[in-house]
C-alpha atoms as a PDB file:
ATOM      1  CA  MET A   1     -17.401   5.125   8.637  1.00  0.00           C
ATOM      2  CA  SER A   2     -14.916   2.883  10.398  1.00  0.00           C
ATOM      3  CA  GLN A   3     -11.443   2.227   9.010  1.00  0.00           C
ATOM      4  CA  PRO A   4     -10.721  -0.913   6.964  1.00  0.00           C
ATOM      5  CA  THR A   5      -9.318  -3.970   8.708  1.00  0.00           C
ATOM      6  CA  VAL A   6      -8.164  -7.423   7.685  1.00  0.00           C
ATOM      7  CA  LEU A   7     -11.595  -8.763   8.670  1.00  0.00           C
ATOM      8  CA  SER A   8     -13.474  -5.913   7.000  1.00  0.00           C
ATOM      9  CA  PRO A   9     -11.428  -4.591   4.062  1.00  0.00           C
ATOM     10  CA  TRP A  10     -12.368  -1.912   1.555  1.00  0.00           C
ATOM     11  CA  TYR A  11     -11.828  -2.562  -2.146  1.00  0.00           C
ATOM     12  CA  VAL A  12     -10.648  -0.347  -4.999  1.00  0.00           C
ATOM     13  CA  VAL A  13     -10.909  -1.206  -8.699  1.00  0.00           C
ATOM     14  CA  GLN A  14      -7.789  -0.133 -10.576  1.00  0.00           C
ATOM     15  CA  ARG A  15      -6.075  -0.681 -13.897  1.00  0.00           C
ATOM     16  CA  ILE A  16      -2.800   0.247 -15.544  1.00  0.00           C
ATOM     17  CA  PHE A  17      -3.071   3.108 -18.015  1.00  0.00           C
ATOM     18  CA  ARG A  18      -0.750   3.097 -21.001  1.00  0.00           C
ATOM     19  CA  GLU A  19      -1.218   5.063 -24.210  1.00  0.00           C
ATOM     20  CA  HIS A  20      -0.005   3.626 -27.502  1.00  0.00           C
ATOM     21  CA  ASN A  21       2.777   6.182 -27.915  1.00  0.00           C
ATOM     22  CA  MET A  22       4.016   5.986 -24.304  1.00  0.00           C
ATOM     23  CA  HIS A  23       7.350   4.504 -23.369  1.00  0.00           C
ATOM     24  CA  PRO A  24       6.804   1.074 -21.695  1.00  0.00           C
ATOM     25  CA  GLU A  25       8.126   2.417 -18.383  1.00  0.00           C
ATOM     26  CA  ASP A  26       5.787   5.445 -18.465  1.00  0.00           C
ATOM     27  CA  VAL A  27       2.634   3.906 -17.093  1.00  0.00           C
ATOM     28  CA  CYS A  28       0.287   5.049 -14.362  1.00  0.00           C
ATOM     29  CA  MET A  29      -2.607   3.649 -12.401  1.00  0.00           C
ATOM     30  CA  GLU A  30      -6.233   4.643 -12.949  1.00  0.00           C
ATOM     31  CA  TYR A  31      -8.960   4.163 -10.365  1.00  0.00           C
ATOM     32  CA  TYR A  32     -12.650   3.433 -10.901  1.00  0.00           C
ATOM     33  CA  ALA A  33     -14.747   6.437  -9.861  1.00  0.00           C
ATOM     34  CA  SER A  34     -18.411   7.289  -9.902  1.00  0.00           C
ATOM     35  CA  MET A  35     -19.339   8.947 -13.168  1.00  0.00           C
ATOM     36  CA  GLU A  36     -20.019  12.641 -13.069  1.00  0.00           C
ATOM     37  CA  GLU A  37     -21.011  14.807 -15.972  1.00  0.00           C
ATOM     38  CA  GLY A  38     -18.061  15.338 -18.293  1.00  0.00           C
ATOM     39  CA  THR A  39     -15.796  12.722 -16.696  1.00  0.00           C
ATOM     40  CA  THR A  40     -14.707   9.221 -17.564  1.00  0.00           C
ATOM     41  CA  THR A  41     -15.237   6.165 -15.397  1.00  0.00           C
ATOM     42  CA  PHE A  42     -11.527   5.814 -14.547  1.00  0.00           C
ATOM     43  CA  GLN A  43      -9.612   8.699 -12.958  1.00  0.00           C
ATOM     44  CA  HIS A  44      -5.933   9.212 -12.159  1.00  0.00           C
ATOM     45  CA  ASP A  45      -6.767  10.940  -8.862  1.00  0.00           C
ATOM     46  CA  LYS A  46      -6.810   8.397  -6.003  1.00  0.00           C
ATOM     47  CA  LYS A  47      -9.015  10.656  -3.897  1.00  0.00           C
ATOM     48  CA  ARG A  48     -11.860  10.271  -6.426  1.00  0.00           C
ATOM     49  CA  ALA A  49     -11.687   6.462  -6.387  1.00  0.00           C
ATOM     50  CA  LEU A  50     -14.892   4.663  -5.495  1.00  0.00           C
ATOM     51  CA  LEU A  51     -14.435   2.443  -2.441  1.00  0.00           C
ATOM     52  CA  PHE A  52     -16.360  -0.815  -2.389  1.00  0.00           C
ATOM     53  CA  MET A  53     -17.336  -2.548   0.839  1.00  0.00           C
ATOM     54  CA  SER A  54     -18.235  -5.757  -1.038  1.00  0.00           C
ATOM     55  CA  LEU A  55     -15.672  -7.913  -2.822  1.00  0.00           C
ATOM     56  CA  ALA A  56     -18.420  -9.295  -5.070  1.00  0.00           C
ATOM     57  CA  SER A  57     -19.360  -5.803  -6.289  1.00  0.00           C
ATOM     58  CA  ALA A  58     -15.745  -4.797  -6.856  1.00  0.00           C
ATOM     59  CA  ALA A  59     -15.054  -8.048  -8.719  1.00  0.00           C
ATOM     60  CA  ARG A  60     -18.063  -7.533 -11.027  1.00  0.00           C
ATOM     61  CA  VAL A  61     -16.864  -4.043 -11.957  1.00  0.00           C
ATOM     62  CA  ALA A  62     -13.269  -5.221 -12.401  1.00  0.00           C
ATOM     63  CA  ALA A  63     -14.350  -8.067 -14.692  1.00  0.00           C
ATOM     64  CA  ALA A  64     -16.501  -5.741 -16.803  1.00  0.00           C
ATOM     65  CA  GLU A  65     -13.737  -3.125 -17.078  1.00  0.00           C
ATOM     66  CA  GLU A  66     -10.773  -5.497 -17.506  1.00  0.00           C
ATOM     67  CA  ALA A  67      -9.267  -4.185 -14.266  1.00  0.00           C
ATOM     68  CA  GLU A  68      -8.101  -5.604 -10.950  1.00  0.00           C
ATOM     69  CA  VAL A  69      -9.273  -5.349  -7.349  1.00  0.00           C
ATOM     70  CA  ARG A  70      -7.034  -4.025  -4.582  1.00  0.00           C
ATOM     71  CA  ALA A  71      -7.929  -4.680  -0.937  1.00  0.00           C
ATOM     72  CA  LEU A  72      -7.314  -1.938   1.622  1.00  0.00           C
ATOM     73  CA  THR A  73      -6.797  -3.329   5.122  1.00  0.00           C
ATOM     74  CA  THR A  74      -5.182  -0.538   7.125  1.00  0.00           C
ATOM     75  CA  LYS A  75      -5.825   3.069   8.093  1.00  0.00           C
ATOM     76  CA  GLU A  76      -2.665   4.092   6.205  1.00  0.00           C
ATOM     77  CA  GLU A  77      -3.950   2.546   2.983  1.00  0.00           C
ATOM     78  CA  SER A  78      -7.270   4.345   3.337  1.00  0.00           C
ATOM     79  CA  GLU A  79      -5.447   7.654   3.905  1.00  0.00           C
ATOM     80  CA  GLU A  80      -3.709   7.104   0.557  1.00  0.00           C
ATOM     81  CA  PHE A  81      -7.186   7.422  -0.971  1.00  0.00           C
ATOM     82  CA  GLY A  82      -8.113  10.485   1.078  1.00  0.00           C
ATOM     83  CA  ARG A  83     -10.384   8.675   3.534  1.00  0.00           C
END
């Protein structure tokens, strides 16, 4: 698989995670991942994030999950996600 570029980005669906009893500054990001037995759809581990090659697919998931889409356009950004 080639690395993402400005002309061919990869997309990640992410959302801010905040529990009701957490301090407002204590928030973290969750990433949409493929469901495996015994896991939830969103994971805190970036390396488990599902990478989308299509903006339309990522946008559909983000809309359904009340999340946002992040575009990855460089090799460094893809390394952040273990790719």
